[in-house]
């Protein structure tokens, strides 16, 4: 695991720009913070940041907020996962594709909607309700699991072709991807496979 550095850490290493930025951030935290924790302690509260290191080669993430689920595979070793996402490492890419397909599906959403918090426009936020689903551990020998992983790979390729200009609002980008997945037919196939998986 790496070391959590306060402003003095990068200064000792000759990283003056980072040291200055951290020093400013720490000063603002001391002035406006609402607890006795240092800035570094807050950033690594319950070891949420430290738990990400060393960074796993393949991770699956899903958004804990919103009205529609969204999951993806992360393979960038420089990426640190934001607190608005839940993540786990997976041992093989197929497992990540399988989980992304299940967690992004409308079938899964419908199964947990009664457990979601309610807002002005209905069900919102997923938090940990997805973990109530009886999602079997990925088994590469299981035909249904393999079909879901293959459908997840097709969905990933379809999503990668969607044009998302810089600055586009994330909700618009998500909608474009959902529309492309629906038009290609892969969303319908994933939903059917997830129904079989969860025995809906």
N, C-alpha and C. Protein backbone atom coordinates (compact mmCIF):
# COMPACT_ATOMS: atom_id res chain seq x y z
N UNK A 1 0.84 -1.18 0.00
CA UNK A 1 0.00 0.00 0.00
C UNK A 1 0.88 1.23 0.00
N UNK A 2 0.43 2.30 -0.66
CA UNK A 2 1.16 3.55 -0.67
C UNK A 2 1.01 4.28 0.64
N UNK A 3 1.74 5.39 0.77
CA UNK A 3 1.70 6.18 1.98
C UNK A 3 0.80 7.38 1.78
N UNK A 4 -0.05 7.68 2.76
CA UNK A 4 -0.87 8.88 2.71
C UNK A 4 0.00 10.06 3.12
N UNK A 5 0.07 11.07 2.26
CA UNK A 5 0.94 12.21 2.50
C UNK A 5 0.16 13.46 2.83
N UNK A 6 0.62 14.18 3.86
CA UNK A 6 0.10 15.53 4.09
C UNK A 6 1.00 16.49 3.32
N UNK A 7 0.83 17.79 3.50
CA UNK A 7 1.59 18.77 2.71
C UNK A 7 3.09 18.64 2.92
N UNK A 8 3.49 18.22 4.11
CA UNK A 8 4.93 18.10 4.39
C UNK A 8 5.57 16.97 3.58
N UNK A 9 4.80 15.92 3.28
CA UNK A 9 5.34 14.77 2.55
C UNK A 9 5.87 15.13 1.17
N UNK A 10 5.04 15.75 0.30
CA UNK A 10 5.58 16.12 -1.01
C UNK A 10 6.66 17.20 -0.92
N UNK A 11 6.60 18.06 0.09
CA UNK A 11 7.64 19.08 0.25
C UNK A 11 8.99 18.42 0.49
N UNK A 12 9.01 17.37 1.31
CA UNK A 12 10.26 16.64 1.58
C UNK A 12 10.77 15.94 0.33
N UNK A 13 9.87 15.62 -0.57
CA UNK A 13 10.27 14.92 -1.81
C UNK A 13 10.55 15.89 -2.96
N UNK A 14 10.50 17.17 -2.69
CA UNK A 14 10.79 18.16 -3.72
C UNK A 14 9.64 18.45 -4.66
N UNK A 15 8.44 17.98 -4.32
CA UNK A 15 7.24 18.21 -5.15
C UNK A 15 6.57 19.50 -4.67
N UNK A 16 7.15 20.63 -5.01
CA UNK A 16 6.70 21.91 -4.45
C UNK A 16 5.29 22.28 -4.90
N UNK A 17 4.94 21.99 -6.14
CA UNK A 17 3.59 22.31 -6.62
C UNK A 17 2.53 21.55 -5.83
N UNK A 18 2.75 20.24 -5.66
CA UNK A 18 1.81 19.41 -4.89
C UNK A 18 1.79 19.85 -3.43
N UNK A 19 2.97 20.16 -2.89
CA UNK A 19 3.05 20.60 -1.49
C UNK A 19 2.25 21.88 -1.29
N UNK A 20 2.35 22.81 -2.23
CA UNK A 20 1.60 24.06 -2.14
C UNK A 20 0.11 23.83 -2.22
N UNK A 21 -0.30 22.97 -3.14
CA UNK A 21 -1.74 22.67 -3.29
C UNK A 21 -2.27 22.02 -2.02
N UNK A 22 -1.51 21.04 -1.50
CA UNK A 22 -1.93 20.35 -0.28
C UNK A 22 -1.97 21.31 0.90
N UNK A 23 -0.99 22.19 0.98
CA UNK A 23 -0.97 23.17 2.06
C UNK A 23 -2.20 24.06 2.04
N UNK A 24 -2.59 24.50 0.85
CA UNK A 24 -3.80 25.31 0.71
C UNK A 24 -5.04 24.53 1.10
N UNK A 25 -5.11 23.28 0.64
CA UNK A 25 -6.26 22.43 0.96
C UNK A 25 -6.35 22.20 2.47
N UNK A 26 -5.22 21.94 3.11
CA UNK A 26 -5.23 21.71 4.55
C UNK A 26 -5.66 22.96 5.32
N UNK A 27 -5.21 24.13 4.84
CA UNK A 27 -5.61 25.38 5.49
C UNK A 27 -7.12 25.60 5.39
N UNK A 28 -7.66 25.34 4.20
CA UNK A 28 -9.11 25.49 4.02
C UNK A 28 -9.87 24.50 4.90
N UNK A 29 -9.34 23.27 5.02
CA UNK A 29 -9.99 22.27 5.86
C UNK A 29 -9.99 22.71 7.32
N UNK A 30 -8.86 23.24 7.78
CA UNK A 30 -8.78 23.71 9.17
C UNK A 30 -9.76 24.84 9.42
N UNK A 31 -9.94 25.68 8.41
CA UNK A 31 -10.84 26.83 8.56
C UNK A 31 -12.31 26.44 8.47
N UNK A 32 -12.63 25.53 7.54
CA UNK A 32 -14.03 25.23 7.25
C UNK A 32 -14.46 23.80 7.60
N UNK A 33 -13.54 22.94 7.99
CA UNK A 33 -13.88 21.55 8.29
C UNK A 33 -14.83 21.44 9.47
N UNK A 34 -15.57 20.36 9.50
CA UNK A 34 -16.60 20.20 10.54
C UNK A 34 -16.24 19.08 11.53
N UNK A 35 -14.98 18.66 11.54
CA UNK A 35 -14.57 17.63 12.50
C UNK A 35 -13.14 17.91 12.93
N UNK A 36 -12.68 17.13 13.90
CA UNK A 36 -11.31 17.28 14.40
C UNK A 36 -10.32 16.47 13.56
N UNK A 37 -10.79 15.74 12.58
CA UNK A 37 -9.90 14.96 11.73
C UNK A 37 -9.03 15.88 10.89
N UNK A 38 -7.82 15.42 10.59
CA UNK A 38 -7.00 16.13 9.62
C UNK A 38 -7.59 15.88 8.23
N UNK A 39 -7.16 16.64 7.26
CA UNK A 39 -7.65 16.45 5.89
C UNK A 39 -7.34 15.04 5.39
N UNK A 40 -6.13 14.57 5.66
CA UNK A 40 -5.74 13.23 5.22
C UNK A 40 -6.60 12.16 5.91
N UNK A 41 -6.88 12.36 7.20
CA UNK A 41 -7.75 11.40 7.89
C UNK A 41 -9.15 11.39 7.29
N UNK A 42 -9.63 12.55 6.89
CA UNK A 42 -10.96 12.63 6.28
C UNK A 42 -10.97 11.96 4.92
N UNK A 43 -9.96 12.23 4.12
CA UNK A 43 -9.88 11.61 2.79
C UNK A 43 -9.80 10.09 2.89
N UNK A 44 -9.17 9.60 3.93
CA UNK A 44 -9.00 8.15 4.08
C UNK A 44 -9.87 7.61 5.20
N UNK A 45 -11.03 8.21 5.40
CA UNK A 45 -11.95 7.80 6.46
C UNK A 45 -12.31 6.33 6.31
N UNK A 46 -12.19 5.57 7.37
CA UNK A 46 -12.42 4.12 7.36
C UNK A 46 -11.55 3.41 6.32
N UNK A 47 -10.40 3.99 6.00
CA UNK A 47 -9.46 3.42 5.02
C UNK A 47 -10.09 3.24 3.64
N UNK A 48 -11.09 4.07 3.31
CA UNK A 48 -11.77 3.93 2.01
C UNK A 48 -10.83 4.22 0.84
N UNK A 49 -9.91 5.15 1.02
CA UNK A 49 -8.94 5.44 -0.04
C UNK A 49 -7.80 4.42 -0.02
N UNK A 50 -7.28 4.16 1.17
CA UNK A 50 -6.17 3.21 1.29
C UNK A 50 -6.53 1.81 0.81
N UNK A 51 -7.80 1.44 0.93
CA UNK A 51 -8.24 0.09 0.51
C UNK A 51 -8.09 -0.12 -0.99
N UNK A 52 -7.97 0.96 -1.74
CA UNK A 52 -7.85 0.82 -3.20
C UNK A 52 -6.44 0.44 -3.64
N UNK A 53 -5.47 0.49 -2.73
CA UNK A 53 -4.08 0.23 -3.08
C UNK A 53 -3.60 -1.06 -2.46
N UNK A 54 -2.79 -1.85 -3.20
CA UNK A 54 -2.42 -1.62 -4.59
C UNK A 54 -3.63 -1.77 -5.52
N UNK A 55 -3.66 -0.99 -6.58
CA UNK A 55 -4.79 -0.98 -7.50
C UNK A 55 -4.84 -2.28 -8.29
N UNK A 56 -6.01 -2.90 -8.25
CA UNK A 56 -6.21 -4.17 -8.97
C UNK A 56 -6.25 -3.92 -10.47
N UNK A 57 -5.77 -4.87 -11.27
CA UNK A 57 -5.75 -4.68 -12.73
C UNK A 57 -7.14 -4.52 -13.35
N UNK A 58 -8.14 -5.23 -12.80
CA UNK A 58 -9.49 -5.17 -13.34
C UNK A 58 -10.46 -4.92 -12.19
N UNK A 59 -11.24 -3.85 -12.32
CA UNK A 59 -12.26 -3.55 -11.32
C UNK A 59 -13.59 -3.33 -12.01
N UNK A 60 -14.65 -3.63 -11.30
CA UNK A 60 -16.01 -3.34 -11.76
C UNK A 60 -16.55 -2.24 -10.85
N UNK A 61 -17.18 -1.23 -11.45
CA UNK A 61 -17.77 -0.15 -10.67
C UNK A 61 -19.24 -0.02 -11.03
N UNK A 62 -20.04 0.44 -10.04
CA UNK A 62 -21.40 0.81 -10.38
C UNK A 62 -21.80 2.02 -9.56
N UNK A 63 -22.62 2.84 -10.17
CA UNK A 63 -23.02 4.09 -9.56
C UNK A 63 -24.02 3.85 -8.44
N UNK A 64 -23.74 4.44 -7.28
CA UNK A 64 -24.67 4.24 -6.16
C UNK A 64 -25.81 5.24 -6.18
N UNK A 65 -25.73 6.28 -7.01
CA UNK A 65 -26.79 7.29 -7.08
C UNK A 65 -27.48 7.22 -8.43
N UNK A 66 -28.69 7.80 -8.49
CA UNK A 66 -29.41 7.86 -9.76
C UNK A 66 -30.66 7.01 -9.75
N UNK A 67 -31.41 7.12 -10.83
CA UNK A 67 -32.65 6.35 -10.95
C UNK A 67 -32.47 5.12 -11.82
N UNK A 68 -31.43 5.10 -12.64
CA UNK A 68 -31.16 3.96 -13.52
C UNK A 68 -29.74 3.46 -13.23
N UNK A 69 -29.55 2.15 -13.19
CA UNK A 69 -28.23 1.61 -12.84
C UNK A 69 -27.23 1.78 -13.98
N UNK A 70 -25.97 1.90 -13.62
CA UNK A 70 -24.88 1.98 -14.60
C UNK A 70 -23.65 1.32 -14.00
N UNK A 71 -23.08 0.38 -14.75
CA UNK A 71 -21.87 -0.32 -14.30
C UNK A 71 -20.88 -0.37 -15.44
N UNK A 72 -19.61 -0.49 -15.10
CA UNK A 72 -18.56 -0.53 -16.12
C UNK A 72 -17.32 -1.22 -15.56
N UNK A 73 -16.44 -1.59 -16.46
CA UNK A 73 -15.15 -2.17 -16.10
C UNK A 73 -14.12 -1.05 -16.13
N UNK A 74 -13.23 -1.04 -15.13
CA UNK A 74 -12.13 -0.08 -15.07
C UNK A 74 -10.83 -0.87 -15.12
N UNK A 75 -10.00 -0.56 -16.12
CA UNK A 75 -8.71 -1.23 -16.26
C UNK A 75 -7.55 -0.25 -16.24
N UNK A 76 -7.81 0.99 -15.90
CA UNK A 76 -6.77 2.01 -15.83
C UNK A 76 -6.10 1.94 -14.47
N UNK A 77 -4.81 1.59 -14.41
CA UNK A 77 -4.13 1.46 -13.11
C UNK A 77 -3.91 2.78 -12.39
N UNK A 78 -4.20 3.91 -13.07
CA UNK A 78 -4.05 5.22 -12.42
C UNK A 78 -5.36 5.70 -11.81
N UNK A 79 -6.47 5.03 -12.12
CA UNK A 79 -7.79 5.50 -11.68
C UNK A 79 -8.03 5.17 -10.22
N UNK A 80 -8.45 6.19 -9.48
CA UNK A 80 -8.89 6.02 -8.09
C UNK A 80 -10.40 6.22 -8.10
N UNK A 81 -11.13 5.33 -7.45
CA UNK A 81 -12.57 5.31 -7.55
C UNK A 81 -13.19 6.33 -6.59
N UNK A 82 -14.09 7.14 -7.12
CA UNK A 82 -14.78 8.17 -6.36
C UNK A 82 -15.78 7.55 -5.38
N UNK A 83 -16.12 8.30 -4.34
CA UNK A 83 -17.03 7.77 -3.32
C UNK A 83 -18.45 7.58 -3.84
N UNK A 84 -18.78 8.12 -5.01
CA UNK A 84 -20.12 7.92 -5.58
C UNK A 84 -20.24 6.61 -6.35
N UNK A 85 -19.18 5.83 -6.35
CA UNK A 85 -19.18 4.54 -7.01
C UNK A 85 -18.84 3.44 -6.02
N UNK A 86 -19.47 2.29 -6.19
CA UNK A 86 -19.05 1.09 -5.48
C UNK A 86 -18.15 0.30 -6.42
N UNK A 87 -17.16 -0.37 -5.88
CA UNK A 87 -16.24 -1.11 -6.74
C UNK A 87 -15.80 -2.40 -6.07
N UNK A 88 -15.36 -3.32 -6.90
CA UNK A 88 -14.70 -4.52 -6.43
C UNK A 88 -13.73 -4.96 -7.52
N UNK A 89 -12.71 -5.67 -7.12
CA UNK A 89 -11.79 -6.23 -8.11
C UNK A 89 -12.35 -7.57 -8.59
N UNK A 90 -12.01 -7.92 -9.80
CA UNK A 90 -12.40 -9.23 -10.34
C UNK A 90 -11.15 -9.90 -10.88
N UNK A 91 -11.16 -11.21 -10.93
CA UNK A 91 -9.96 -11.95 -11.33
C UNK A 91 -9.82 -12.08 -12.84
N UNK A 92 -10.92 -11.97 -13.56
CA UNK A 92 -10.85 -12.10 -15.01
C UNK A 92 -11.84 -11.14 -15.65
N UNK A 93 -11.54 -10.73 -16.87
CA UNK A 93 -12.36 -9.75 -17.58
C UNK A 93 -13.79 -10.25 -17.78
N UNK A 94 -13.94 -11.54 -18.07
CA UNK A 94 -15.27 -12.11 -18.29
C UNK A 94 -16.15 -11.95 -17.06
N UNK A 95 -15.55 -12.08 -15.89
CA UNK A 95 -16.32 -11.88 -14.66
C UNK A 95 -16.81 -10.44 -14.55
N UNK A 96 -15.94 -9.49 -14.94
CA UNK A 96 -16.34 -8.09 -14.93
C UNK A 96 -17.46 -7.81 -15.91
N UNK A 97 -17.39 -8.39 -17.11
CA UNK A 97 -18.43 -8.21 -18.12
C UNK A 97 -19.76 -8.80 -17.64
N UNK A 98 -19.68 -9.95 -17.00
CA UNK A 98 -20.86 -10.61 -16.43
C UNK A 98 -21.52 -9.70 -15.40
N UNK A 99 -20.73 -9.19 -14.45
CA UNK A 99 -21.28 -8.33 -13.40
C UNK A 99 -21.81 -7.01 -13.96
N UNK A 100 -21.09 -6.43 -14.92
CA UNK A 100 -21.54 -5.17 -15.52
C UNK A 100 -22.89 -5.36 -16.21
N UNK A 101 -23.04 -6.48 -16.89
CA UNK A 101 -24.31 -6.76 -17.57
C UNK A 101 -25.45 -6.91 -16.56
N UNK A 102 -25.21 -7.66 -15.49
CA UNK A 102 -26.25 -7.87 -14.49
C UNK A 102 -26.61 -6.56 -13.80
N UNK A 103 -25.59 -5.83 -13.31
CA UNK A 103 -25.84 -4.63 -12.52
C UNK A 103 -26.43 -3.48 -13.34
N UNK A 104 -26.20 -3.46 -14.65
CA UNK A 104 -26.74 -2.40 -15.51
C UNK A 104 -28.11 -2.72 -16.07
N UNK A 105 -28.60 -3.92 -15.81
CA UNK A 105 -29.82 -4.37 -16.48
C UNK A 105 -31.09 -3.78 -15.87
N UNK A 106 -32.08 -3.64 -16.73
CA UNK A 106 -33.40 -3.20 -16.29
C UNK A 106 -34.04 -4.26 -15.40
N UNK A 107 -33.75 -5.51 -15.67
CA UNK A 107 -34.27 -6.60 -14.84
C UNK A 107 -33.81 -6.44 -13.40
N UNK A 108 -32.52 -6.16 -13.20
CA UNK A 108 -32.00 -5.97 -11.84
C UNK A 108 -32.63 -4.73 -11.20
N UNK A 109 -32.77 -3.67 -11.98
CA UNK A 109 -33.36 -2.44 -11.45
C UNK A 109 -34.77 -2.69 -10.93
N UNK A 110 -35.56 -3.39 -11.72
CA UNK A 110 -36.95 -3.66 -11.31
C UNK A 110 -37.01 -4.48 -10.03
N UNK A 111 -36.05 -5.38 -9.86
CA UNK A 111 -36.08 -6.25 -8.68
C UNK A 111 -35.76 -5.50 -7.39
N UNK A 112 -35.04 -4.37 -7.50
CA UNK A 112 -34.66 -3.65 -6.28
C UNK A 112 -35.39 -2.32 -6.10
N UNK A 113 -36.26 -1.95 -7.04
CA UNK A 113 -36.85 -0.61 -6.99
C UNK A 113 -37.64 -0.35 -5.72
N UNK A 114 -38.26 -1.38 -5.16
CA UNK A 114 -39.04 -1.16 -3.93
C UNK A 114 -38.13 -0.92 -2.72
N UNK A 115 -36.85 -1.24 -2.86
CA UNK A 115 -35.90 -1.04 -1.76
C UNK A 115 -35.19 0.31 -1.86
N UNK A 116 -35.34 0.98 -3.01
CA UNK A 116 -34.66 2.26 -3.20
C UNK A 116 -35.32 3.37 -2.39
N UNK A 117 -34.51 4.38 -2.06
CA UNK A 117 -35.09 5.57 -1.43
C UNK A 117 -35.99 6.26 -2.46
N UNK A 118 -36.94 7.04 -1.97
CA UNK A 118 -37.89 7.71 -2.86
C UNK A 118 -37.61 9.20 -2.87
N UNK A 119 -37.71 9.79 -4.06
CA UNK A 119 -37.53 11.23 -4.21
C UNK A 119 -38.73 11.85 -4.90
N UNK A 120 -38.58 13.08 -5.31
CA UNK A 120 -39.67 13.80 -5.97
C UNK A 120 -40.12 13.10 -7.24
N UNK A 121 -39.18 12.44 -7.93
CA UNK A 121 -39.52 11.77 -9.19
C UNK A 121 -39.49 10.25 -9.06
N UNK A 122 -39.74 9.74 -7.88
CA UNK A 122 -39.83 8.30 -7.70
C UNK A 122 -38.56 7.68 -7.12
N UNK A 123 -38.34 6.39 -7.43
CA UNK A 123 -37.20 5.66 -6.88
C UNK A 123 -35.90 6.31 -7.32
N UNK A 124 -34.95 6.39 -6.38
CA UNK A 124 -33.65 6.94 -6.72
C UNK A 124 -32.60 6.29 -5.84
N UNK A 125 -31.38 6.36 -6.27
CA UNK A 125 -30.22 5.85 -5.55
C UNK A 125 -30.28 4.34 -5.34
N UNK A 126 -29.14 3.71 -5.57
CA UNK A 126 -29.04 2.26 -5.45
C UNK A 126 -28.28 1.85 -4.20
N UNK A 127 -27.29 2.67 -3.84
CA UNK A 127 -26.45 2.32 -2.70
C UNK A 127 -26.17 0.82 -2.71
N UNK A 128 -26.49 0.12 -1.63
CA UNK A 128 -26.16 -1.30 -1.55
C UNK A 128 -27.33 -2.23 -1.84
N UNK A 129 -28.45 -1.68 -2.34
CA UNK A 129 -29.61 -2.56 -2.57
C UNK A 129 -29.34 -3.61 -3.64
N UNK A 130 -28.41 -3.33 -4.56
CA UNK A 130 -28.07 -4.34 -5.58
C UNK A 130 -27.49 -5.59 -4.94
N UNK A 131 -26.89 -5.42 -3.74
CA UNK A 131 -26.29 -6.56 -3.08
C UNK A 131 -27.33 -7.49 -2.47
N UNK A 132 -28.59 -7.10 -2.50
CA UNK A 132 -29.66 -7.99 -2.02
C UNK A 132 -30.06 -9.01 -3.09
N UNK A 133 -29.65 -8.79 -4.32
CA UNK A 133 -30.00 -9.71 -5.40
C UNK A 133 -29.21 -11.01 -5.27
N UNK A 134 -29.82 -12.13 -5.62
CA UNK A 134 -29.12 -13.42 -5.52
C UNK A 134 -28.22 -13.65 -6.75
N UNK A 135 -27.22 -12.79 -6.92
CA UNK A 135 -26.32 -12.89 -8.08
C UNK A 135 -25.29 -13.99 -7.80
N UNK A 136 -25.30 -15.06 -8.58
CA UNK A 136 -24.33 -16.14 -8.35
C UNK A 136 -22.91 -15.68 -8.66
N UNK A 137 -21.96 -16.23 -7.93
CA UNK A 137 -20.55 -15.98 -8.24
C UNK A 137 -20.26 -16.46 -9.66
N UNK A 138 -19.49 -15.69 -10.41
CA UNK A 138 -19.20 -16.04 -11.80
C UNK A 138 -18.50 -17.39 -11.90
N UNK A 139 -19.04 -18.22 -12.77
CA UNK A 139 -18.47 -19.55 -13.03
C UNK A 139 -18.22 -19.65 -14.53
N UNK A 140 -16.96 -19.67 -14.96
CA UNK A 140 -16.65 -19.71 -16.39
C UNK A 140 -17.17 -20.96 -17.09
N UNK A 141 -17.51 -21.99 -16.32
CA UNK A 141 -18.03 -23.22 -16.92
C UNK A 141 -19.55 -23.18 -17.08
N UNK A 142 -20.19 -22.16 -16.49
CA UNK A 142 -21.65 -22.06 -16.55
C UNK A 142 -22.04 -21.37 -17.86
N UNK A 143 -22.87 -22.03 -18.66
CA UNK A 143 -23.25 -21.51 -19.98
C UNK A 143 -23.95 -20.15 -19.87
N UNK A 144 -24.87 -20.02 -18.93
CA UNK A 144 -25.60 -18.76 -18.78
C UNK A 144 -24.66 -17.63 -18.39
N UNK A 145 -23.72 -17.91 -17.51
CA UNK A 145 -22.74 -16.90 -17.12
C UNK A 145 -21.91 -16.47 -18.32
N UNK A 146 -21.52 -17.44 -19.13
CA UNK A 146 -20.75 -17.14 -20.34
C UNK A 146 -21.54 -16.30 -21.33
N UNK A 147 -22.83 -16.61 -21.47
CA UNK A 147 -23.69 -15.83 -22.38
C UNK A 147 -23.83 -14.40 -21.88
N UNK A 148 -23.95 -14.23 -20.57
CA UNK A 148 -24.04 -12.87 -20.01
C UNK A 148 -22.74 -12.11 -20.22
N UNK A 149 -21.60 -12.78 -20.02
CA UNK A 149 -20.31 -12.13 -20.25
C UNK A 149 -20.16 -11.71 -21.71
N UNK A 150 -20.59 -12.59 -22.63
CA UNK A 150 -20.51 -12.26 -24.06
C UNK A 150 -21.43 -11.10 -24.41
N UNK A 151 -22.63 -11.09 -23.83
CA UNK A 151 -23.56 -9.98 -24.06
C UNK A 151 -22.99 -8.70 -23.46
N UNK A 152 -22.34 -8.81 -22.29
CA UNK A 152 -21.69 -7.65 -21.68
C UNK A 152 -20.59 -7.10 -22.57
N UNK A 153 -19.83 -8.00 -23.22
CA UNK A 153 -18.77 -7.56 -24.14
C UNK A 153 -19.37 -6.83 -25.34
N UNK A 154 -20.47 -7.35 -25.85
CA UNK A 154 -21.15 -6.69 -26.97
C UNK A 154 -21.68 -5.31 -26.55
N UNK A 155 -22.24 -5.24 -25.35
CA UNK A 155 -22.74 -3.96 -24.84
C UNK A 155 -21.60 -2.96 -24.69
N UNK A 156 -20.46 -3.43 -24.21
CA UNK A 156 -19.30 -2.56 -24.04
C UNK A 156 -18.85 -1.99 -25.39
N UNK A 157 -18.81 -2.84 -26.41
CA UNK A 157 -18.41 -2.39 -27.75
C UNK A 157 -19.41 -1.39 -28.32
N UNK A 158 -20.69 -1.67 -28.10
CA UNK A 158 -21.74 -0.76 -28.58
C UNK A 158 -21.63 0.59 -27.89
N UNK A 159 -21.44 0.56 -26.58
CA UNK A 159 -21.32 1.81 -25.81
C UNK A 159 -20.10 2.61 -26.24
N UNK A 160 -19.01 1.93 -26.58
CA UNK A 160 -17.78 2.62 -26.98
C UNK A 160 -17.95 3.39 -28.29
N UNK A 161 -18.92 3.00 -29.11
CA UNK A 161 -19.16 3.67 -30.39
C UNK A 161 -20.06 4.90 -30.26
N UNK A 162 -20.65 5.10 -29.09
CA UNK A 162 -21.54 6.25 -28.89
C UNK A 162 -20.72 7.52 -28.80
N UNK A 163 -21.09 8.52 -29.58
CA UNK A 163 -20.36 9.78 -29.57
C UNK A 163 -20.77 10.59 -28.32
N UNK A 164 -19.78 10.88 -27.51
CA UNK A 164 -20.00 11.67 -26.29
C UNK A 164 -19.00 12.82 -26.30
N UNK A 165 -19.42 13.97 -26.76
CA UNK A 165 -18.50 15.12 -26.83
C UNK A 165 -18.05 15.57 -25.44
N UNK A 166 -16.88 16.20 -25.38
CA UNK A 166 -16.40 16.78 -24.13
C UNK A 166 -17.42 17.77 -23.61
N UNK A 167 -17.64 17.73 -22.32
CA UNK A 167 -18.56 18.68 -21.70
C UNK A 167 -20.01 18.23 -21.68
N UNK A 168 -20.32 17.09 -22.32
CA UNK A 168 -21.71 16.61 -22.30
C UNK A 168 -22.09 16.21 -20.88
N UNK A 169 -23.27 16.58 -20.44
CA UNK A 169 -23.75 16.22 -19.11
C UNK A 169 -23.84 14.71 -19.00
N UNK A 170 -23.45 14.17 -17.85
CA UNK A 170 -23.39 12.72 -17.70
C UNK A 170 -24.74 12.04 -17.91
N UNK A 171 -25.84 12.71 -17.55
CA UNK A 171 -27.15 12.09 -17.74
C UNK A 171 -27.48 11.95 -19.22
N UNK A 172 -27.08 12.95 -20.02
CA UNK A 172 -27.28 12.88 -21.47
C UNK A 172 -26.43 11.75 -22.06
N UNK A 173 -25.20 11.64 -21.59
CA UNK A 173 -24.30 10.59 -22.07
C UNK A 173 -24.86 9.21 -21.74
N UNK A 174 -25.33 9.04 -20.51
CA UNK A 174 -25.92 7.75 -20.11
C UNK A 174 -27.14 7.43 -20.96
N UNK A 175 -27.98 8.43 -21.23
CA UNK A 175 -29.18 8.20 -22.05
C UNK A 175 -28.79 7.75 -23.45
N UNK A 176 -27.78 8.40 -24.03
CA UNK A 176 -27.33 8.01 -25.38
C UNK A 176 -26.86 6.57 -25.41
N UNK A 177 -26.13 6.18 -24.39
CA UNK A 177 -25.64 4.80 -24.33
C UNK A 177 -26.81 3.83 -24.19
N UNK A 178 -27.77 4.14 -23.30
CA UNK A 178 -28.94 3.26 -23.14
C UNK A 178 -29.71 3.12 -24.45
N UNK A 179 -29.88 4.24 -25.18
CA UNK A 179 -30.59 4.20 -26.45
C UNK A 179 -29.87 3.32 -27.46
N UNK A 180 -28.54 3.43 -27.50
CA UNK A 180 -27.76 2.61 -28.43
C UNK A 180 -27.87 1.13 -28.08
N UNK A 181 -27.85 0.82 -26.79
CA UNK A 181 -27.97 -0.58 -26.36
C UNK A 181 -29.35 -1.14 -26.68
N UNK A 182 -30.38 -0.29 -26.56
CA UNK A 182 -31.74 -0.73 -26.90
C UNK A 182 -31.87 -0.96 -28.40
N UNK A 183 -31.35 -0.02 -29.19
CA UNK A 183 -31.46 -0.12 -30.66
C UNK A 183 -30.71 -1.33 -31.19
N UNK A 184 -29.59 -1.68 -30.58
CA UNK A 184 -28.81 -2.82 -31.05
C UNK A 184 -29.44 -4.16 -30.65
N UNK A 185 -30.34 -4.13 -29.70
CA UNK A 185 -30.98 -5.35 -29.22
C UNK A 185 -30.25 -6.03 -28.08
N UNK A 186 -29.04 -5.56 -27.75
CA UNK A 186 -28.27 -6.22 -26.69
C UNK A 186 -28.89 -6.00 -25.31
N UNK A 187 -29.52 -4.84 -25.10
CA UNK A 187 -30.16 -4.60 -23.80
C UNK A 187 -31.29 -5.61 -23.55
N UNK A 188 -32.08 -5.86 -24.58
CA UNK A 188 -33.18 -6.83 -24.44
C UNK A 188 -32.64 -8.23 -24.15
N UNK A 189 -31.55 -8.59 -24.84
CA UNK A 189 -30.97 -9.92 -24.63
C UNK A 189 -30.41 -10.04 -23.21
N UNK A 190 -29.74 -8.99 -22.73
CA UNK A 190 -29.19 -9.01 -21.37
C UNK A 190 -30.32 -9.15 -20.35
N UNK A 191 -31.39 -8.40 -20.53
CA UNK A 191 -32.52 -8.47 -19.59
C UNK A 191 -33.09 -9.88 -19.52
N UNK A 192 -33.21 -10.53 -20.67
CA UNK A 192 -33.75 -11.90 -20.70
C UNK A 192 -32.80 -12.85 -19.98
N UNK A 193 -31.51 -12.69 -20.22
CA UNK A 193 -30.52 -13.55 -19.56
C UNK A 193 -30.50 -13.33 -18.05
N UNK A 194 -30.62 -12.08 -17.63
CA UNK A 194 -30.62 -11.78 -16.19
C UNK A 194 -31.88 -12.35 -15.54
N UNK A 195 -33.01 -12.31 -16.25
CA UNK A 195 -34.23 -12.93 -15.70
C UNK A 195 -33.99 -14.42 -15.44
N UNK A 196 -33.32 -15.07 -16.36
CA UNK A 196 -33.01 -16.48 -16.16
C UNK A 196 -32.02 -16.69 -15.00
N UNK A 197 -31.05 -15.79 -14.91
CA UNK A 197 -30.05 -15.89 -13.85
C UNK A 197 -30.68 -15.73 -12.47
N UNK A 198 -31.56 -14.73 -12.36
CA UNK A 198 -32.17 -14.44 -11.06
C UNK A 198 -33.49 -15.19 -10.87
N UNK A 199 -33.83 -16.01 -11.85
CA UNK A 199 -35.05 -16.83 -11.82
C UNK A 199 -36.29 -15.94 -11.58
N UNK A 200 -36.35 -14.83 -12.38
CA UNK A 200 -37.47 -13.89 -12.24
C UNK A 200 -38.74 -14.49 -12.82
